[in-house]
N, C-alpha and C. Protein backbone atom coordinates (compact mmCIF):
# COMPACT_ATOMS: atom_id res chain seq x y z
N MET A 1 138.50 100.19 99.55
CA MET A 1 137.56 100.10 98.43
C MET A 1 137.67 98.73 97.75
N TYR A 2 136.55 98.15 97.39
CA TYR A 2 136.61 96.93 96.62
C TYR A 2 136.65 97.27 95.15
N SER A 3 136.97 96.30 94.35
CA SER A 3 137.07 96.52 92.90
C SER A 3 135.77 97.03 92.34
N LEU A 4 135.88 98.05 91.49
CA LEU A 4 134.68 98.59 90.87
C LEU A 4 134.06 97.59 89.88
N LEU A 5 134.81 96.55 89.54
CA LEU A 5 134.30 95.53 88.61
C LEU A 5 133.43 94.51 89.34
N LEU A 6 133.42 94.53 90.67
CA LEU A 6 132.69 93.53 91.43
C LEU A 6 131.70 94.23 92.36
N PRO A 7 130.53 93.63 92.58
CA PRO A 7 129.51 94.23 93.46
C PRO A 7 129.79 94.02 94.94
N TYR A 8 130.77 93.20 95.27
CA TYR A 8 131.11 92.92 96.68
C TYR A 8 132.62 93.05 96.86
N ARG A 9 132.99 93.33 98.09
CA ARG A 9 134.41 93.25 98.43
C ARG A 9 134.79 91.78 98.49
N VAL A 10 135.94 91.43 97.95
CA VAL A 10 136.42 90.05 97.94
C VAL A 10 137.76 89.98 98.64
N LYS A 11 137.84 89.14 99.64
CA LYS A 11 139.11 88.88 100.33
C LYS A 11 139.44 87.41 100.13
N ILE A 12 140.59 87.16 99.49
CA ILE A 12 141.09 85.80 99.34
C ILE A 12 142.15 85.61 100.42
N CYS A 13 141.93 84.64 101.30
CA CYS A 13 142.77 84.51 102.47
C CYS A 13 143.64 83.24 102.37
N GLY A 14 144.74 83.28 103.14
CA GLY A 14 145.67 82.15 103.16
C GLY A 14 146.66 82.18 102.03
N ILE A 15 147.04 83.37 101.59
CA ILE A 15 148.02 83.53 100.51
C ILE A 15 149.41 83.18 101.02
N THR A 16 150.17 82.41 100.25
CA THR A 16 151.53 82.05 100.63
C THR A 16 152.54 82.24 99.50
N ASP A 17 152.08 82.62 98.31
CA ASP A 17 152.96 82.66 97.14
C ASP A 17 152.79 83.99 96.40
N LEU A 18 153.90 84.63 96.05
CA LEU A 18 153.86 85.93 95.39
C LEU A 18 153.16 85.86 94.03
N GLY A 19 153.52 84.88 93.24
CA GLY A 19 152.91 84.78 91.91
C GLY A 19 151.40 84.64 91.98
N GLN A 20 150.94 83.81 92.91
CA GLN A 20 149.50 83.66 93.08
C GLN A 20 148.85 84.93 93.59
N ALA A 21 149.53 85.62 94.50
CA ALA A 21 148.99 86.89 95.00
C ALA A 21 148.82 87.90 93.87
N GLN A 22 149.81 87.99 93.02
CA GLN A 22 149.75 88.94 91.90
C GLN A 22 148.66 88.56 90.90
N ALA A 23 148.54 87.26 90.62
CA ALA A 23 147.54 86.80 89.68
C ALA A 23 146.15 87.02 90.22
N ILE A 24 145.92 86.76 91.49
CA ILE A 24 144.60 86.96 92.10
C ILE A 24 144.24 88.44 92.07
N ALA A 25 145.21 89.33 92.32
CA ALA A 25 144.94 90.75 92.26
C ALA A 25 144.56 91.18 90.86
N ARG A 26 145.22 90.61 89.86
CA ARG A 26 144.90 90.96 88.46
C ARG A 26 143.49 90.52 88.08
N LEU A 27 142.97 89.49 88.75
CA LEU A 27 141.60 89.04 88.46
C LEU A 27 140.56 90.01 88.99
N GLY A 28 140.96 90.95 89.87
CA GLY A 28 140.04 91.94 90.38
C GLY A 28 139.78 91.88 91.86
N VAL A 29 140.48 91.00 92.59
CA VAL A 29 140.34 90.89 94.03
C VAL A 29 141.03 92.07 94.68
N SER A 30 140.36 92.69 95.65
CA SER A 30 140.90 93.91 96.27
C SER A 30 141.69 93.65 97.54
N THR A 31 141.46 92.49 98.19
CA THR A 31 142.03 92.25 99.52
C THR A 31 142.62 90.85 99.60
N LEU A 32 143.87 90.78 100.05
CA LEU A 32 144.53 89.50 100.27
C LEU A 32 144.80 89.30 101.75
N GLY A 33 144.57 88.08 102.25
CA GLY A 33 144.80 87.78 103.64
C GLY A 33 145.97 86.83 103.82
N PHE A 34 146.73 87.05 104.87
CA PHE A 34 147.94 86.27 105.16
C PHE A 34 147.83 85.75 106.61
N ILE A 35 147.98 84.45 106.78
CA ILE A 35 147.77 83.82 108.08
C ILE A 35 149.05 83.89 108.92
N CYS A 36 149.01 84.68 109.95
CA CYS A 36 150.17 84.87 110.84
C CYS A 36 150.01 84.04 112.11
N VAL A 37 149.60 82.80 111.94
CA VAL A 37 149.33 81.88 113.06
C VAL A 37 150.14 80.62 112.80
N ALA A 38 151.14 80.37 113.63
CA ALA A 38 152.13 79.32 113.36
C ALA A 38 151.52 77.94 113.21
N ARG A 39 150.43 77.68 113.94
CA ARG A 39 149.86 76.31 113.89
C ARG A 39 148.95 76.09 112.69
N SER A 40 148.72 77.11 111.90
CA SER A 40 147.87 76.99 110.71
C SER A 40 148.61 76.35 109.55
N PRO A 41 147.95 75.49 108.76
CA PRO A 41 148.61 74.94 107.57
C PRO A 41 148.86 76.01 106.50
N ARG A 42 148.26 77.20 106.67
CA ARG A 42 148.49 78.29 105.72
C ARG A 42 149.39 79.36 106.29
N TYR A 43 150.10 79.03 107.36
CA TYR A 43 150.98 80.00 108.02
C TYR A 43 152.07 80.51 107.09
N ILE A 44 152.31 81.81 107.19
CA ILE A 44 153.43 82.40 106.47
C ILE A 44 154.22 83.24 107.46
N ALA A 45 155.50 82.96 107.56
CA ALA A 45 156.38 83.66 108.51
C ALA A 45 156.60 85.09 108.04
N ILE A 46 157.10 85.93 108.92
CA ILE A 46 157.17 87.37 108.61
C ILE A 46 158.13 87.67 107.48
N GLU A 47 159.22 86.93 107.33
CA GLU A 47 160.17 87.22 106.25
C GLU A 47 159.56 86.98 104.86
N PRO A 48 159.00 85.78 104.59
CA PRO A 48 158.36 85.61 103.28
C PRO A 48 157.12 86.48 103.10
N LEU A 49 156.41 86.77 104.19
CA LEU A 49 155.26 87.66 104.09
C LEU A 49 155.72 89.05 103.61
N THR A 50 156.77 89.56 104.23
CA THR A 50 157.28 90.87 103.84
C THR A 50 157.79 90.88 102.42
N ALA A 51 158.42 89.78 102.00
CA ALA A 51 158.90 89.69 100.62
C ALA A 51 157.76 89.76 99.62
N ILE A 52 156.60 89.21 99.98
CA ILE A 52 155.44 89.25 99.11
C ILE A 52 154.81 90.65 99.11
N THR A 53 154.51 91.18 100.27
CA THR A 53 153.75 92.43 100.34
C THR A 53 154.52 93.59 99.75
N ARG A 54 155.81 93.57 99.82
CA ARG A 54 156.59 94.70 99.27
C ARG A 54 156.64 94.69 97.75
N GLN A 55 156.16 93.63 97.13
CA GLN A 55 156.12 93.56 95.67
C GLN A 55 154.71 93.67 95.12
N LEU A 56 153.75 93.96 95.98
CA LEU A 56 152.36 94.09 95.55
C LEU A 56 152.02 95.57 95.34
N PRO A 57 151.02 95.87 94.50
CA PRO A 57 150.61 97.26 94.30
C PRO A 57 150.14 97.90 95.60
N GLU A 58 150.45 99.18 95.77
CA GLU A 58 150.06 99.88 96.99
C GLU A 58 148.54 100.01 97.11
N THR A 59 147.83 99.90 96.00
CA THR A 59 146.37 100.00 96.04
C THR A 59 145.70 98.74 96.59
N LEU A 60 146.45 97.65 96.68
CA LEU A 60 145.91 96.37 97.15
C LEU A 60 145.86 96.38 98.68
N GLN A 61 144.79 95.87 99.23
CA GLN A 61 144.69 95.76 100.68
C GLN A 61 145.27 94.42 101.15
N THR A 62 146.14 94.48 102.14
CA THR A 62 146.83 93.29 102.64
C THR A 62 146.53 93.17 104.13
N VAL A 63 145.96 92.04 104.53
CA VAL A 63 145.49 91.86 105.90
C VAL A 63 146.20 90.68 106.55
N GLY A 64 146.79 90.94 107.73
CA GLY A 64 147.37 89.87 108.51
C GLY A 64 146.34 89.30 109.46
N VAL A 65 146.24 87.97 109.52
CA VAL A 65 145.26 87.29 110.37
C VAL A 65 145.98 86.75 111.61
N PHE A 66 145.47 87.13 112.80
CA PHE A 66 146.08 86.74 114.07
C PHE A 66 145.04 86.09 114.96
N VAL A 67 145.51 85.18 115.81
CA VAL A 67 144.63 84.52 116.78
C VAL A 67 145.23 84.66 118.17
N ASN A 68 144.63 85.54 118.98
CA ASN A 68 145.06 85.72 120.37
C ASN A 68 146.56 86.03 120.47
N ALA A 69 147.07 86.80 119.54
CA ALA A 69 148.49 87.15 119.55
C ALA A 69 148.75 88.37 120.44
N PRO A 70 149.95 88.48 120.99
CA PRO A 70 150.29 89.66 121.79
C PRO A 70 150.24 90.92 120.93
N LEU A 71 149.85 92.02 121.56
CA LEU A 71 149.72 93.27 120.83
C LEU A 71 151.03 93.68 120.16
N ASP A 72 152.15 93.55 120.86
CA ASP A 72 153.41 93.99 120.27
C ASP A 72 153.81 93.14 119.08
N THR A 73 153.42 91.86 119.06
CA THR A 73 153.71 91.01 117.91
C THR A 73 152.92 91.47 116.70
N ILE A 74 151.67 91.79 116.90
CA ILE A 74 150.83 92.27 115.79
C ILE A 74 151.38 93.59 115.24
N VAL A 75 151.70 94.51 116.12
CA VAL A 75 152.19 95.83 115.69
C VAL A 75 153.49 95.67 114.91
N ALA A 76 154.42 94.84 115.39
CA ALA A 76 155.70 94.67 114.70
C ALA A 76 155.50 94.02 113.32
N THR A 77 154.60 93.05 113.24
CA THR A 77 154.33 92.39 111.94
C THR A 77 153.73 93.36 110.95
N VAL A 78 152.76 94.15 111.40
CA VAL A 78 152.10 95.10 110.52
C VAL A 78 153.10 96.11 109.97
N HIS A 79 153.97 96.63 110.83
CA HIS A 79 154.94 97.62 110.39
C HIS A 79 155.96 97.01 109.43
N GLN A 80 156.49 95.83 109.75
CA GLN A 80 157.53 95.26 108.91
C GLN A 80 156.98 94.86 107.55
N ALA A 81 155.80 94.23 107.54
CA ALA A 81 155.24 93.78 106.27
C ALA A 81 154.40 94.85 105.57
N LYS A 82 154.26 96.00 106.21
CA LYS A 82 153.48 97.11 105.64
C LYS A 82 152.06 96.68 105.27
N LEU A 83 151.43 95.98 106.22
CA LEU A 83 150.05 95.53 106.02
C LEU A 83 149.09 96.70 106.15
N THR A 84 148.01 96.64 105.42
CA THR A 84 147.00 97.70 105.53
C THR A 84 145.91 97.38 106.52
N GLY A 85 145.87 96.12 107.01
CA GLY A 85 144.82 95.75 107.94
C GLY A 85 145.20 94.58 108.83
N ILE A 86 144.43 94.42 109.89
CA ILE A 86 144.61 93.34 110.85
C ILE A 86 143.27 92.64 111.03
N GLN A 87 143.27 91.31 110.99
CA GLN A 87 142.09 90.52 111.30
C GLN A 87 142.33 89.73 112.58
N LEU A 88 141.51 89.95 113.58
CA LEU A 88 141.59 89.23 114.83
C LEU A 88 140.60 88.08 114.80
N HIS A 89 141.10 86.86 114.86
CA HIS A 89 140.25 85.70 114.66
C HIS A 89 140.17 84.82 115.91
N GLY A 90 140.54 85.39 117.06
CA GLY A 90 140.48 84.62 118.30
C GLY A 90 139.42 85.14 119.24
N GLU A 91 139.76 85.16 120.51
CA GLU A 91 138.81 85.60 121.55
C GLU A 91 139.19 86.97 122.08
N GLU A 92 139.75 87.80 121.24
CA GLU A 92 140.22 89.12 121.65
C GLU A 92 139.02 89.99 122.11
N PRO A 93 139.09 90.58 123.30
CA PRO A 93 137.98 91.39 123.82
C PRO A 93 137.97 92.78 123.15
N PRO A 94 136.88 93.53 123.31
CA PRO A 94 136.83 94.87 122.73
C PRO A 94 137.95 95.77 123.24
N GLU A 95 138.37 95.59 124.49
CA GLU A 95 139.44 96.43 125.04
C GLU A 95 140.75 96.22 124.29
N PHE A 96 140.99 94.98 123.85
CA PHE A 96 142.20 94.71 123.06
C PHE A 96 142.11 95.42 121.71
N CYS A 97 140.93 95.40 121.11
CA CYS A 97 140.73 96.09 119.83
C CYS A 97 140.99 97.58 119.98
N GLN A 98 140.50 98.16 121.07
CA GLN A 98 140.74 99.57 121.30
C GLN A 98 142.22 99.89 121.43
N ALA A 99 142.93 99.06 122.17
CA ALA A 99 144.38 99.27 122.34
C ALA A 99 145.11 99.14 121.01
N LEU A 100 144.70 98.17 120.20
CA LEU A 100 145.33 97.98 118.89
C LEU A 100 145.09 99.16 117.98
N ARG A 101 143.89 99.70 118.01
CA ARG A 101 143.58 100.87 117.18
C ARG A 101 144.42 102.08 117.58
N GLN A 102 144.73 102.20 118.87
CA GLN A 102 145.57 103.31 119.33
C GLN A 102 146.99 103.20 118.78
N HIS A 103 147.47 101.96 118.65
CA HIS A 103 148.82 101.74 118.12
C HIS A 103 148.86 101.78 116.60
N LEU A 104 147.77 101.41 115.95
CA LEU A 104 147.72 101.33 114.49
C LEU A 104 146.47 102.05 113.98
N PRO A 105 146.38 103.37 114.19
CA PRO A 105 145.14 104.07 113.88
C PRO A 105 144.80 104.16 112.40
N GLN A 106 145.77 103.99 111.53
CA GLN A 106 145.51 104.10 110.09
C GLN A 106 145.23 102.76 109.42
N ARG A 107 145.22 101.67 110.19
CA ARG A 107 144.99 100.35 109.59
C ARG A 107 143.57 99.89 109.85
N GLU A 108 143.01 99.17 108.88
CA GLU A 108 141.69 98.58 109.06
C GLU A 108 141.78 97.47 110.11
N LEU A 109 140.80 97.45 111.01
CA LEU A 109 140.73 96.39 112.02
C LEU A 109 139.47 95.57 111.76
N ILE A 110 139.67 94.28 111.49
CA ILE A 110 138.57 93.35 111.23
C ILE A 110 138.48 92.38 112.40
N LYS A 111 137.30 92.23 112.97
CA LYS A 111 137.10 91.26 114.04
C LYS A 111 136.22 90.12 113.53
N ALA A 112 136.77 88.91 113.64
CA ALA A 112 136.05 87.72 113.18
C ALA A 112 135.32 87.06 114.35
N PHE A 113 134.17 86.49 114.04
CA PHE A 113 133.36 85.78 115.02
C PHE A 113 132.97 84.42 114.45
N ARG A 114 133.14 83.37 115.24
CA ARG A 114 132.75 82.03 114.81
C ARG A 114 131.34 81.77 115.32
N ILE A 115 130.44 81.53 114.40
CA ILE A 115 129.02 81.42 114.71
C ILE A 115 128.55 79.97 114.58
N ARG A 116 127.96 79.46 115.65
CA ARG A 116 127.36 78.13 115.58
C ARG A 116 125.87 78.14 115.87
N ALA A 117 125.35 79.25 116.47
CA ALA A 117 123.94 79.40 116.78
C ALA A 117 123.57 80.87 116.72
N PRO A 118 122.31 81.19 116.44
CA PRO A 118 121.91 82.60 116.38
C PRO A 118 122.29 83.40 117.61
N ALA A 119 122.29 82.77 118.77
CA ALA A 119 122.64 83.48 120.00
C ALA A 119 124.05 84.02 119.99
N ASP A 120 124.93 83.42 119.18
CA ASP A 120 126.31 83.88 119.09
C ASP A 120 126.42 85.28 118.51
N LEU A 121 125.41 85.71 117.78
CA LEU A 121 125.43 87.04 117.19
C LEU A 121 125.38 88.14 118.24
N GLU A 122 124.92 87.78 119.44
CA GLU A 122 124.80 88.77 120.52
C GLU A 122 126.14 89.30 120.97
N GLN A 123 127.20 88.54 120.72
CA GLN A 123 128.54 88.93 121.18
C GLN A 123 129.12 90.07 120.32
N ILE A 124 128.50 90.35 119.18
CA ILE A 124 129.09 91.27 118.21
C ILE A 124 128.93 92.74 118.58
N ALA A 125 127.80 93.11 119.15
CA ALA A 125 127.46 94.52 119.37
C ALA A 125 128.57 95.33 120.07
N PRO A 126 129.23 94.82 121.12
CA PRO A 126 130.26 95.63 121.78
C PRO A 126 131.45 95.96 120.93
N TYR A 127 131.62 95.25 119.80
CA TYR A 127 132.77 95.47 118.93
C TYR A 127 132.48 96.52 117.85
N GLU A 128 131.22 96.83 117.63
CA GLU A 128 130.87 97.68 116.49
C GLU A 128 131.44 99.09 116.59
N THR A 129 131.76 99.54 117.78
CA THR A 129 132.33 100.87 117.94
C THR A 129 133.86 100.88 117.95
N VAL A 130 134.47 99.69 117.95
CA VAL A 130 135.94 99.64 118.09
C VAL A 130 136.65 98.98 116.91
N VAL A 131 135.92 98.49 115.91
CA VAL A 131 136.54 97.95 114.72
C VAL A 131 135.89 98.55 113.48
N GLU A 132 136.58 98.43 112.35
CA GLU A 132 136.02 98.96 111.11
C GLU A 132 135.14 97.95 110.39
N THR A 133 135.46 96.67 110.53
CA THR A 133 134.79 95.64 109.74
C THR A 133 134.56 94.39 110.59
N LEU A 134 133.43 93.72 110.38
CA LEU A 134 133.12 92.48 111.06
C LEU A 134 133.23 91.32 110.06
N LEU A 135 133.51 90.14 110.57
CA LEU A 135 133.58 88.94 109.73
C LEU A 135 132.93 87.80 110.48
N LEU A 136 132.02 87.09 109.79
CA LEU A 136 131.32 85.98 110.37
C LEU A 136 131.78 84.67 109.72
N ASP A 137 132.27 83.76 110.55
CA ASP A 137 132.84 82.51 110.09
C ASP A 137 132.10 81.35 110.75
N ALA A 138 132.27 80.18 110.21
CA ALA A 138 131.66 78.99 110.81
C ALA A 138 132.43 78.57 112.04
N TYR A 139 131.75 78.05 113.03
CA TYR A 139 132.40 77.54 114.22
C TYR A 139 132.90 76.12 113.98
N ALA A 140 134.16 75.89 114.39
CA ALA A 140 134.72 74.54 114.40
C ALA A 140 135.55 74.43 115.65
N PRO A 141 135.35 73.38 116.46
CA PRO A 141 136.07 73.28 117.73
C PRO A 141 137.58 73.12 117.58
N GLN A 142 138.02 72.58 116.44
CA GLN A 142 139.43 72.27 116.30
C GLN A 142 140.25 73.36 115.63
N ALA A 143 139.60 74.42 115.14
CA ALA A 143 140.32 75.43 114.40
C ALA A 143 139.57 76.76 114.45
N HIS A 144 140.32 77.86 114.25
CA HIS A 144 139.71 79.18 114.28
C HIS A 144 139.29 79.66 112.88
N GLY A 145 139.56 78.90 111.87
CA GLY A 145 139.16 79.31 110.51
C GLY A 145 139.77 78.39 109.48
N GLY A 146 139.36 78.58 108.21
CA GLY A 146 139.91 77.80 107.13
C GLY A 146 139.53 76.35 107.12
N THR A 147 138.38 76.02 107.74
CA THR A 147 137.97 74.64 107.86
C THR A 147 137.15 74.14 106.68
N GLY A 148 136.60 75.06 105.91
CA GLY A 148 135.71 74.66 104.82
C GLY A 148 134.29 74.44 105.25
N GLN A 149 133.99 74.59 106.53
CA GLN A 149 132.63 74.42 107.01
C GLN A 149 131.83 75.69 106.78
N THR A 150 130.53 75.50 106.46
CA THR A 150 129.67 76.66 106.20
C THR A 150 128.81 76.98 107.42
N LEU A 151 128.35 78.23 107.47
CA LEU A 151 127.40 78.63 108.50
C LEU A 151 125.99 78.23 108.08
N ASP A 152 125.07 78.36 109.03
CA ASP A 152 123.66 78.27 108.72
C ASP A 152 123.25 79.65 108.20
N TRP A 153 123.25 79.83 106.90
CA TRP A 153 123.01 81.16 106.33
C TRP A 153 121.65 81.70 106.70
N THR A 154 120.66 80.85 106.87
CA THR A 154 119.32 81.34 107.19
C THR A 154 119.29 82.06 108.55
N SER A 155 120.20 81.69 109.46
CA SER A 155 120.25 82.36 110.76
C SER A 155 120.80 83.77 110.65
N LEU A 156 121.38 84.13 109.49
CA LEU A 156 121.99 85.45 109.29
C LEU A 156 121.11 86.32 108.39
N ALA A 157 119.95 85.84 108.01
CA ALA A 157 119.13 86.57 107.04
C ALA A 157 118.78 87.98 107.50
N GLY A 158 118.60 88.18 108.79
CA GLY A 158 118.26 89.51 109.30
C GLY A 158 119.41 90.26 109.90
N PHE A 159 120.64 89.76 109.73
CA PHE A 159 121.80 90.38 110.35
C PHE A 159 122.12 91.69 109.66
N ALA A 160 122.07 92.79 110.41
CA ALA A 160 122.30 94.13 109.83
C ALA A 160 123.07 95.00 110.82
N PRO A 161 124.36 94.74 110.96
CA PRO A 161 125.15 95.52 111.92
C PRO A 161 125.41 96.94 111.40
N SER A 162 125.95 97.77 112.28
CA SER A 162 126.26 99.15 111.90
C SER A 162 127.58 99.28 111.17
N ARG A 163 128.34 98.21 111.13
CA ARG A 163 129.61 98.18 110.42
C ARG A 163 129.52 97.28 109.18
N PRO A 164 130.35 97.52 108.16
CA PRO A 164 130.41 96.57 107.05
C PRO A 164 130.82 95.19 107.54
N TRP A 165 130.32 94.15 106.87
CA TRP A 165 130.69 92.81 107.31
C TRP A 165 130.95 91.88 106.14
N LEU A 166 131.83 90.90 106.41
CA LEU A 166 132.22 89.91 105.43
C LEU A 166 131.68 88.54 105.85
N LEU A 167 131.19 87.81 104.87
CA LEU A 167 130.75 86.43 105.12
C LEU A 167 131.88 85.48 104.76
N ALA A 168 132.19 84.58 105.67
CA ALA A 168 133.22 83.56 105.46
C ALA A 168 132.62 82.19 105.79
N GLY A 169 133.46 81.18 105.70
CA GLY A 169 133.01 79.84 106.10
C GLY A 169 132.59 78.97 104.95
N GLY A 170 133.54 78.29 104.32
CA GLY A 170 133.22 77.29 103.33
C GLY A 170 132.65 77.80 102.02
N LEU A 171 132.80 79.09 101.74
CA LEU A 171 132.31 79.62 100.46
C LEU A 171 133.17 79.13 99.31
N CYS A 172 132.51 78.85 98.18
CA CYS A 172 133.19 78.35 96.99
C CYS A 172 132.34 78.69 95.77
N PRO A 173 132.87 78.49 94.56
CA PRO A 173 132.08 78.81 93.38
C PRO A 173 130.74 78.08 93.32
N GLU A 174 130.68 76.88 93.89
CA GLU A 174 129.47 76.09 93.80
C GLU A 174 128.35 76.52 94.74
N ASN A 175 128.66 77.16 95.85
CA ASN A 175 127.60 77.53 96.79
C ASN A 175 127.44 79.02 97.00
N LEU A 176 128.25 79.83 96.33
CA LEU A 176 128.23 81.28 96.58
C LEU A 176 126.89 81.89 96.24
N ALA A 177 126.32 81.53 95.09
CA ALA A 177 125.03 82.11 94.69
C ALA A 177 123.95 81.82 95.73
N GLN A 178 123.95 80.60 96.26
CA GLN A 178 122.95 80.23 97.26
C GLN A 178 123.12 81.08 98.53
N ALA A 179 124.37 81.26 98.94
CA ALA A 179 124.64 82.05 100.16
C ALA A 179 124.17 83.49 99.99
N LEU A 180 124.49 84.08 98.86
CA LEU A 180 124.15 85.49 98.63
C LEU A 180 122.66 85.70 98.41
N ALA A 181 121.95 84.64 98.04
CA ALA A 181 120.49 84.75 97.90
C ALA A 181 119.81 84.82 99.27
N ILE A 182 120.53 84.39 100.31
CA ILE A 182 119.95 84.34 101.65
C ILE A 182 120.43 85.50 102.53
N VAL A 183 121.72 85.81 102.44
CA VAL A 183 122.29 86.86 103.31
C VAL A 183 122.77 88.02 102.46
N GLY A 184 123.00 89.15 103.11
CA GLY A 184 123.41 90.35 102.39
C GLY A 184 124.67 90.97 102.94
N PRO A 185 125.82 90.29 102.84
CA PRO A 185 127.06 90.86 103.36
C PRO A 185 127.58 91.97 102.44
N ASP A 186 128.55 92.70 102.95
CA ASP A 186 129.22 93.71 102.14
C ASP A 186 130.36 93.09 101.33
N GLY A 187 130.77 91.92 101.73
CA GLY A 187 131.84 91.25 101.03
C GLY A 187 131.95 89.81 101.47
N ILE A 188 132.89 89.09 100.87
CA ILE A 188 133.10 87.70 101.20
C ILE A 188 134.58 87.44 101.47
N ASP A 189 134.84 86.44 102.28
CA ASP A 189 136.19 86.00 102.60
C ASP A 189 136.30 84.52 102.27
N VAL A 190 137.22 84.18 101.40
CA VAL A 190 137.30 82.81 100.88
C VAL A 190 138.72 82.30 101.03
N SER A 191 138.86 81.04 101.43
CA SER A 191 140.18 80.44 101.53
C SER A 191 140.16 79.04 100.93
N SER A 192 139.69 78.07 101.70
CA SER A 192 139.74 76.67 101.24
C SER A 192 138.92 76.42 99.99
N GLY A 193 137.88 77.21 99.78
CA GLY A 193 137.00 77.01 98.62
C GLY A 193 137.61 77.29 97.28
N VAL A 194 138.83 77.89 97.26
CA VAL A 194 139.51 78.14 96.00
C VAL A 194 140.95 77.62 96.05
N GLU A 195 141.11 76.48 96.73
CA GLU A 195 142.46 75.90 96.91
C GLU A 195 142.57 74.51 96.29
N ARG A 196 143.82 74.17 95.93
CA ARG A 196 144.17 72.79 95.62
C ARG A 196 144.60 72.07 96.89
N SER A 197 145.30 72.81 97.75
CA SER A 197 145.72 72.32 99.06
C SER A 197 145.94 73.56 99.92
N PRO A 198 146.05 73.43 101.25
CA PRO A 198 146.16 74.62 102.09
C PRO A 198 147.29 75.56 101.65
N GLY A 199 146.93 76.80 101.32
CA GLY A 199 147.90 77.79 100.91
C GLY A 199 148.22 77.80 99.44
N ASP A 200 147.74 76.81 98.70
CA ASP A 200 147.98 76.74 97.24
C ASP A 200 146.68 77.06 96.53
N LYS A 201 146.57 78.26 96.02
CA LYS A 201 145.30 78.71 95.42
C LYS A 201 145.18 78.21 93.98
N ASP A 202 143.94 77.89 93.62
CA ASP A 202 143.60 77.44 92.28
C ASP A 202 143.03 78.65 91.55
N LEU A 203 143.77 79.24 90.65
CA LEU A 203 143.35 80.47 89.98
C LEU A 203 142.08 80.25 89.15
N THR A 204 141.88 79.06 88.65
CA THR A 204 140.67 78.76 87.88
C THR A 204 139.45 78.86 88.79
N ARG A 205 139.57 78.40 90.02
CA ARG A 205 138.46 78.48 90.96
C ARG A 205 138.23 79.89 91.47
N VAL A 206 139.32 80.66 91.62
CA VAL A 206 139.17 82.07 91.99
C VAL A 206 138.39 82.80 90.89
N ALA A 207 138.75 82.55 89.64
CA ALA A 207 138.04 83.21 88.52
C ALA A 207 136.58 82.77 88.49
N ALA A 208 136.31 81.49 88.75
CA ALA A 208 134.91 81.01 88.76
C ALA A 208 134.13 81.67 89.88
N LEU A 209 134.76 81.86 91.02
CA LEU A 209 134.08 82.54 92.14
C LEU A 209 133.71 83.97 91.75
N LEU A 210 134.63 84.66 91.12
CA LEU A 210 134.35 86.04 90.73
C LEU A 210 133.27 86.12 89.65
N ARG A 211 133.20 85.14 88.80
CA ARG A 211 132.12 85.11 87.79
C ARG A 211 130.77 84.98 88.48
N GLN A 212 130.70 84.21 89.56
CA GLN A 212 129.46 84.08 90.29
C GLN A 212 129.03 85.41 90.89
N LEU A 213 130.00 86.16 91.37
CA LEU A 213 129.68 87.50 91.93
C LEU A 213 129.14 88.44 90.86
N ARG A 214 129.72 88.40 89.70
CA ARG A 214 129.28 89.30 88.65
C ARG A 214 127.87 88.94 88.18
N VAL A 215 127.56 87.66 88.21
CA VAL A 215 126.22 87.21 87.81
C VAL A 215 125.19 87.63 88.83
N ASN A 216 125.59 87.53 90.13
CA ASN A 216 124.64 87.79 91.21
C ASN A 216 124.72 89.24 91.68
């Protein structure tokens, strides 16, 4: 469930600090994302991740983000850190999603897709029966996410999958209203747009982002 104070689900991703996680949750954000990818500048190892998640309210949704990770690594991380969800941000096939759901049936499974052209949306349909939530991000050749690049929102104007979906890719307080005027996601996923530097969230910008949601 997203916050009843907001009209959209909000996921702030790339959390690395307990104090910031707690403050962001107090602002009304329902979902926090943690990057479990060692090459990411927002990477958080399992020990500090566990130290953070065990001090957060049980009502908060905590999502580990993985890129082409082995199934047993994901399962072990989810159990140790007591995550409520998994986000797959690589090239994981539907069969991998099915296997992961069998191992973690009570956790939300989010599958991310990097979109650079309308034709890329065709890859999504096979996943709609094997995941709970979809996420659309901007394509960047050098990274799987967190680049600050935006999608062509007009290409998503008619996107209406059978599963709830989150819009990601360069969203920030300055462009959020424009994005939501064009597309109709169930929620948003934001990382670099509310940061001072990778993994260091700017609480003033998080609050400004939420104000935009309440207005729109």
